[in-house]
């Protein structure tokens, strides 16, 4: 069992920046950030497998950056140039699959979520 705890959500105006962090209770090969807007399906935002090149959803490429510190078992998401459509609950996810993509079923453990609100 891996426990994930997100922090760093909040409110910001369009064009601003926020940084999300996720503290994991242990190491997992694959980690990712997802977001959910009520009434819509959970969307993969960014993911990283081991030391591989990160993967991003097209909607956030060039604006968001995912990183991890394996020594500290932490995952971060730097979000720049935020837009109102980025408003959502953001979740940290972790799994063991070396083939994990930005698909919810590829991940086993989930955090409780951190709200990000971007105003225009």
N, C-alpha and C. Protein backbone atom coordinates (compact mmCIF):
# COMPACT_ATOMS: atom_id res chain seq x y z
N UNK A 1 0.84 -1.19 0.00
CA UNK A 1 0.00 0.00 0.00
C UNK A 1 0.88 1.25 0.00
N UNK A 2 0.62 2.13 -0.95
CA UNK A 2 1.35 3.40 -1.03
C UNK A 2 0.37 4.52 -0.77
N UNK A 3 0.73 5.40 0.12
CA UNK A 3 -0.12 6.56 0.42
C UNK A 3 0.46 7.79 -0.26
N UNK A 4 -0.44 8.60 -0.83
CA UNK A 4 -0.04 9.80 -1.56
C UNK A 4 -0.75 11.01 -0.95
N UNK A 5 -0.01 12.06 -0.72
CA UNK A 5 -0.59 13.27 -0.14
C UNK A 5 -0.17 14.47 -0.98
N UNK A 6 -1.17 15.13 -1.58
CA UNK A 6 -0.89 16.31 -2.40
C UNK A 6 -0.89 17.58 -1.56
N UNK A 7 -0.18 18.57 -2.04
CA UNK A 7 -0.20 19.90 -1.43
C UNK A 7 0.12 20.93 -2.50
N UNK A 8 -0.22 22.19 -2.21
CA UNK A 8 0.17 23.27 -3.11
C UNK A 8 -0.93 23.81 -3.99
N UNK A 9 -2.14 23.29 -3.91
CA UNK A 9 -3.21 23.84 -4.71
C UNK A 9 -3.58 25.23 -4.23
N UNK A 10 -4.46 25.89 -4.96
CA UNK A 10 -4.90 27.22 -4.56
C UNK A 10 -5.56 27.96 -5.69
N UNK A 11 -5.69 29.25 -5.52
CA UNK A 11 -6.35 30.10 -6.51
C UNK A 11 -5.33 31.08 -7.09
N UNK A 12 -5.46 31.31 -8.39
CA UNK A 12 -4.53 32.22 -9.05
C UNK A 12 -5.24 32.84 -10.25
N UNK A 13 -4.78 33.98 -10.67
CA UNK A 13 -5.34 34.61 -11.87
C UNK A 13 -4.70 34.01 -13.11
N UNK A 14 -5.42 34.12 -14.21
CA UNK A 14 -4.91 33.61 -15.48
C UNK A 14 -3.54 34.22 -15.77
N UNK A 15 -2.64 33.36 -16.25
CA UNK A 15 -1.28 33.78 -16.51
C UNK A 15 -0.33 33.52 -15.35
N UNK A 16 -0.89 33.20 -14.20
CA UNK A 16 -0.08 32.95 -13.02
C UNK A 16 0.47 31.54 -12.96
N UNK A 17 1.13 31.23 -11.86
CA UNK A 17 1.78 29.93 -11.68
C UNK A 17 1.41 29.32 -10.33
N UNK A 18 1.41 28.02 -10.30
CA UNK A 18 1.26 27.26 -9.06
C UNK A 18 2.14 26.02 -9.15
N UNK A 19 2.52 25.50 -8.00
CA UNK A 19 3.31 24.27 -7.96
C UNK A 19 2.62 23.28 -7.05
N UNK A 20 2.33 22.11 -7.58
CA UNK A 20 1.75 21.02 -6.79
C UNK A 20 2.85 20.05 -6.37
N UNK A 21 2.71 19.52 -5.19
CA UNK A 21 3.65 18.51 -4.70
C UNK A 21 2.88 17.29 -4.22
N UNK A 22 3.52 16.15 -4.31
CA UNK A 22 2.92 14.89 -3.86
C UNK A 22 3.97 14.12 -3.08
N UNK A 23 3.66 13.81 -1.85
CA UNK A 23 4.56 13.02 -1.01
C UNK A 23 4.06 11.58 -0.98
N UNK A 24 4.91 10.65 -1.39
CA UNK A 24 4.56 9.24 -1.41
C UNK A 24 5.21 8.51 -0.23
N UNK A 25 4.51 7.49 0.27
CA UNK A 25 5.05 6.74 1.41
C UNK A 25 6.10 5.73 0.99
N UNK A 26 6.25 5.53 -0.32
CA UNK A 26 7.25 4.61 -0.83
C UNK A 26 7.51 4.87 -2.30
N UNK A 27 8.51 4.17 -2.84
CA UNK A 27 8.85 4.37 -4.25
C UNK A 27 7.90 3.55 -5.14
N UNK A 28 7.47 4.17 -6.24
CA UNK A 28 6.74 3.46 -7.27
C UNK A 28 7.33 3.85 -8.62
N UNK A 29 7.32 2.92 -9.56
CA UNK A 29 7.99 3.16 -10.84
C UNK A 29 7.34 4.29 -11.63
N UNK A 30 6.03 4.26 -11.69
CA UNK A 30 5.31 5.25 -12.49
C UNK A 30 4.51 6.19 -11.60
N UNK A 31 4.56 7.45 -11.93
CA UNK A 31 3.78 8.45 -11.20
C UNK A 31 3.23 9.45 -12.20
N UNK A 32 2.11 10.04 -11.84
CA UNK A 32 1.47 10.95 -12.78
C UNK A 32 0.55 11.91 -12.05
N UNK A 33 0.17 12.93 -12.76
CA UNK A 33 -0.85 13.88 -12.31
C UNK A 33 -2.06 13.76 -13.24
N UNK A 34 -3.23 13.70 -12.62
CA UNK A 34 -4.49 13.72 -13.34
C UNK A 34 -5.31 14.89 -12.81
N UNK A 35 -6.33 15.28 -13.57
CA UNK A 35 -7.24 16.30 -13.08
C UNK A 35 -8.66 15.92 -13.43
N UNK A 36 -9.58 16.43 -12.63
CA UNK A 36 -10.98 16.09 -12.82
C UNK A 36 -11.84 17.33 -12.64
N UNK A 37 -12.69 17.53 -13.63
CA UNK A 37 -13.71 18.57 -13.57
C UNK A 37 -15.04 17.87 -13.43
N UNK A 38 -15.88 18.28 -12.48
CA UNK A 38 -17.18 17.62 -12.32
C UNK A 38 -17.95 17.54 -13.63
N UNK A 39 -18.46 16.36 -13.91
CA UNK A 39 -19.21 16.17 -15.14
C UNK A 39 -18.37 15.70 -16.30
N UNK A 40 -17.06 15.68 -16.09
CA UNK A 40 -16.16 15.22 -17.15
C UNK A 40 -15.33 14.04 -16.65
N UNK A 41 -14.71 13.34 -17.57
CA UNK A 41 -13.85 12.22 -17.19
C UNK A 41 -12.50 12.73 -16.67
N UNK A 42 -11.91 11.90 -15.83
CA UNK A 42 -10.59 12.25 -15.31
C UNK A 42 -9.59 12.30 -16.47
N UNK A 43 -8.78 13.35 -16.47
CA UNK A 43 -7.85 13.60 -17.58
C UNK A 43 -6.40 13.49 -17.11
N UNK A 44 -5.60 12.73 -17.84
CA UNK A 44 -4.19 12.67 -17.54
C UNK A 44 -3.50 13.95 -17.95
N UNK A 45 -2.67 14.49 -17.07
CA UNK A 45 -2.00 15.76 -17.32
C UNK A 45 -0.53 15.55 -17.66
N UNK A 46 0.16 14.81 -16.81
CA UNK A 46 1.59 14.57 -17.02
C UNK A 46 1.98 13.31 -16.26
N UNK A 47 2.95 12.58 -16.80
CA UNK A 47 3.39 11.36 -16.15
C UNK A 47 4.88 11.14 -16.34
N UNK A 48 5.44 10.32 -15.47
CA UNK A 48 6.86 10.02 -15.56
C UNK A 48 7.08 8.59 -15.07
N UNK A 49 7.83 7.80 -15.85
CA UNK A 49 8.10 6.39 -15.53
C UNK A 49 9.59 6.22 -15.30
N UNK A 50 9.97 5.84 -14.07
CA UNK A 50 11.38 5.69 -13.76
C UNK A 50 12.14 6.95 -14.12
N UNK A 51 13.17 6.79 -14.94
CA UNK A 51 13.94 7.94 -15.38
C UNK A 51 13.64 8.35 -16.80
N UNK A 52 12.51 7.86 -17.34
CA UNK A 52 12.15 8.17 -18.72
C UNK A 52 11.78 9.63 -18.92
N UNK A 53 11.75 10.03 -20.16
CA UNK A 53 11.29 11.37 -20.51
C UNK A 53 9.83 11.52 -20.11
N UNK A 54 9.45 12.59 -19.47
CA UNK A 54 8.06 12.78 -19.08
C UNK A 54 7.12 12.85 -20.29
N UNK A 55 5.86 12.54 -20.04
CA UNK A 55 4.84 12.66 -21.07
C UNK A 55 3.79 13.66 -20.59
N UNK A 56 3.21 14.38 -21.54
CA UNK A 56 2.26 15.45 -21.22
C UNK A 56 1.04 15.38 -22.11
N UNK A 57 -0.08 15.82 -21.57
CA UNK A 57 -1.25 16.03 -22.40
C UNK A 57 -0.99 17.23 -23.31
N UNK A 58 -1.54 17.20 -24.49
CA UNK A 58 -1.32 18.29 -25.44
C UNK A 58 -1.75 19.64 -24.86
N UNK A 59 -2.77 19.62 -24.03
CA UNK A 59 -3.34 20.86 -23.50
C UNK A 59 -2.40 21.58 -22.54
N UNK A 60 -1.37 20.88 -22.04
CA UNK A 60 -0.48 21.51 -21.06
C UNK A 60 0.97 21.57 -21.52
N UNK A 61 1.28 21.02 -22.68
CA UNK A 61 2.66 21.02 -23.17
C UNK A 61 3.18 22.45 -23.28
N UNK A 62 4.40 22.63 -22.79
CA UNK A 62 5.02 23.95 -22.84
C UNK A 62 4.65 24.84 -21.66
N UNK A 63 3.65 24.43 -20.88
CA UNK A 63 3.23 25.23 -19.72
C UNK A 63 3.47 24.51 -18.39
N UNK A 64 3.32 23.18 -18.39
CA UNK A 64 3.47 22.40 -17.16
C UNK A 64 4.76 21.57 -17.25
N UNK A 65 5.35 21.33 -16.08
CA UNK A 65 6.55 20.49 -16.02
C UNK A 65 6.45 19.56 -14.81
N UNK A 66 6.58 18.27 -15.07
CA UNK A 66 6.54 17.27 -14.00
C UNK A 66 7.96 16.87 -13.64
N UNK A 67 8.18 16.63 -12.36
CA UNK A 67 9.49 16.18 -11.91
C UNK A 67 9.32 15.30 -10.69
N UNK A 68 10.33 14.48 -10.42
CA UNK A 68 10.28 13.63 -9.25
C UNK A 68 11.63 13.57 -8.58
N UNK A 69 11.60 13.36 -7.28
CA UNK A 69 12.81 13.17 -6.49
C UNK A 69 12.71 11.78 -5.88
N UNK A 70 13.40 10.82 -6.46
CA UNK A 70 13.27 9.44 -6.00
C UNK A 70 13.86 9.24 -4.61
N UNK A 71 14.81 10.05 -4.24
CA UNK A 71 15.40 9.93 -2.90
C UNK A 71 14.40 10.32 -1.82
N UNK A 72 13.53 11.25 -2.16
CA UNK A 72 12.54 11.75 -1.19
C UNK A 72 11.14 11.20 -1.46
N UNK A 73 10.99 10.43 -2.54
CA UNK A 73 9.67 9.90 -2.93
C UNK A 73 8.65 11.02 -3.08
N UNK A 74 9.03 12.03 -3.82
CA UNK A 74 8.12 13.15 -4.08
C UNK A 74 7.95 13.37 -5.57
N UNK A 75 6.79 13.88 -5.91
CA UNK A 75 6.44 14.21 -7.29
C UNK A 75 5.94 15.65 -7.30
N UNK A 76 6.34 16.40 -8.30
CA UNK A 76 5.93 17.80 -8.38
C UNK A 76 5.35 18.12 -9.75
N UNK A 77 4.54 19.15 -9.80
CA UNK A 77 4.00 19.64 -11.06
C UNK A 77 4.07 21.16 -11.02
N UNK A 78 4.96 21.73 -11.81
CA UNK A 78 5.06 23.17 -11.95
C UNK A 78 4.12 23.62 -13.06
N UNK A 79 3.19 24.48 -12.72
CA UNK A 79 2.18 24.92 -13.69
C UNK A 79 2.36 26.41 -13.94
N UNK A 80 2.70 26.75 -15.16
CA UNK A 80 2.90 28.15 -15.55
C UNK A 80 1.86 28.57 -16.58
N UNK A 81 1.71 29.87 -16.72
CA UNK A 81 0.75 30.43 -17.69
C UNK A 81 -0.60 29.73 -17.57
N UNK A 82 -1.10 29.67 -16.36
CA UNK A 82 -2.35 28.97 -16.11
C UNK A 82 -3.52 29.65 -16.79
N UNK A 83 -4.47 28.83 -17.22
CA UNK A 83 -5.67 29.31 -17.90
C UNK A 83 -6.90 28.90 -17.11
N UNK A 84 -8.01 29.61 -17.28
CA UNK A 84 -9.24 29.23 -16.55
C UNK A 84 -9.63 27.77 -16.79
N UNK A 85 -9.36 27.26 -17.98
CA UNK A 85 -9.73 25.87 -18.27
C UNK A 85 -8.83 24.86 -17.54
N UNK A 86 -7.80 25.32 -16.86
CA UNK A 86 -7.00 24.43 -16.02
C UNK A 86 -7.63 24.21 -14.65
N UNK A 87 -8.69 24.94 -14.36
CA UNK A 87 -9.39 24.79 -13.08
C UNK A 87 -9.92 23.37 -12.93
N UNK A 88 -9.52 22.71 -11.85
CA UNK A 88 -9.91 21.31 -11.64
C UNK A 88 -9.36 20.85 -10.29
N UNK A 89 -9.79 19.66 -9.91
CA UNK A 89 -9.16 18.96 -8.79
C UNK A 89 -8.02 18.14 -9.38
N UNK A 90 -6.83 18.31 -8.85
CA UNK A 90 -5.66 17.62 -9.36
C UNK A 90 -5.29 16.47 -8.41
N UNK A 91 -5.02 15.31 -9.02
CA UNK A 91 -4.70 14.12 -8.25
C UNK A 91 -3.32 13.57 -8.62
N UNK A 92 -2.61 13.17 -7.61
CA UNK A 92 -1.36 12.45 -7.78
C UNK A 92 -1.70 10.96 -7.87
N UNK A 93 -1.04 10.25 -8.78
CA UNK A 93 -1.29 8.83 -8.96
C UNK A 93 0.03 8.08 -9.06
N UNK A 94 0.02 6.84 -8.61
CA UNK A 94 1.24 6.04 -8.64
C UNK A 94 0.91 4.60 -9.00
N UNK A 95 1.85 3.95 -9.68
CA UNK A 95 1.64 2.56 -10.06
C UNK A 95 2.96 1.87 -10.31
N UNK A 96 2.89 0.60 -10.64
CA UNK A 96 4.09 -0.21 -10.83
C UNK A 96 4.36 -0.54 -12.29
N UNK A 97 3.45 -0.24 -13.18
CA UNK A 97 3.62 -0.61 -14.57
C UNK A 97 4.70 0.21 -15.26
N UNK A 98 5.63 -0.46 -15.96
CA UNK A 98 6.64 0.28 -16.74
C UNK A 98 6.08 0.83 -18.04
N UNK A 99 4.82 0.49 -18.33
CA UNK A 99 4.21 0.94 -19.58
C UNK A 99 3.09 1.96 -19.35
N UNK A 100 3.01 2.47 -18.15
CA UNK A 100 1.92 3.36 -17.80
C UNK A 100 1.91 4.61 -18.66
N UNK A 101 0.73 4.96 -19.13
CA UNK A 101 0.54 6.20 -19.87
C UNK A 101 -0.40 7.09 -19.06
N UNK A 102 -1.01 8.05 -19.69
CA UNK A 102 -1.92 8.95 -18.97
C UNK A 102 -3.33 8.38 -18.98
N UNK A 103 -3.44 7.18 -18.47
CA UNK A 103 -4.72 6.47 -18.40
C UNK A 103 -4.95 6.08 -16.95
N UNK A 104 -6.10 6.43 -16.37
CA UNK A 104 -6.32 6.15 -14.94
C UNK A 104 -6.11 4.68 -14.56
N UNK A 105 -6.53 3.76 -15.43
CA UNK A 105 -6.41 2.34 -15.09
C UNK A 105 -4.97 1.87 -14.97
N UNK A 106 -4.01 2.65 -15.44
CA UNK A 106 -2.60 2.27 -15.35
C UNK A 106 -2.02 2.51 -13.96
N UNK A 107 -2.80 3.11 -13.08
CA UNK A 107 -2.30 3.50 -11.75
C UNK A 107 -3.12 2.86 -10.65
N UNK A 108 -2.43 2.50 -9.58
CA UNK A 108 -3.07 1.76 -8.48
C UNK A 108 -3.43 2.65 -7.30
N UNK A 109 -2.57 3.60 -6.98
CA UNK A 109 -2.75 4.40 -5.79
C UNK A 109 -3.02 5.86 -6.16
N UNK A 110 -3.87 6.50 -5.38
CA UNK A 110 -4.31 7.86 -5.67
C UNK A 110 -4.29 8.71 -4.41
N UNK A 111 -3.97 9.98 -4.57
CA UNK A 111 -4.05 10.92 -3.48
C UNK A 111 -5.46 11.44 -3.32
N UNK A 112 -5.65 12.33 -2.36
CA UNK A 112 -6.99 12.84 -2.06
C UNK A 112 -7.37 14.03 -2.92
N UNK A 113 -6.42 14.60 -3.61
CA UNK A 113 -6.69 15.69 -4.53
C UNK A 113 -6.35 17.06 -3.96
N UNK A 114 -6.01 17.96 -4.86
CA UNK A 114 -5.74 19.36 -4.50
C UNK A 114 -6.44 20.25 -5.51
N UNK A 115 -7.22 21.20 -5.01
CA UNK A 115 -8.00 22.06 -5.91
C UNK A 115 -7.13 23.16 -6.49
N UNK A 116 -7.25 23.36 -7.78
CA UNK A 116 -6.61 24.47 -8.48
C UNK A 116 -7.70 25.28 -9.16
N UNK A 117 -7.74 26.56 -8.86
CA UNK A 117 -8.75 27.45 -9.43
C UNK A 117 -8.05 28.61 -10.12
N UNK A 118 -8.36 28.81 -11.39
CA UNK A 118 -7.75 29.89 -12.18
C UNK A 118 -8.86 30.82 -12.63
N UNK A 119 -8.76 32.07 -12.24
CA UNK A 119 -9.77 33.06 -12.60
C UNK A 119 -9.30 33.91 -13.77
N UNK A 120 -10.26 34.35 -14.55
CA UNK A 120 -9.91 35.15 -15.74
C UNK A 120 -9.82 36.63 -15.41
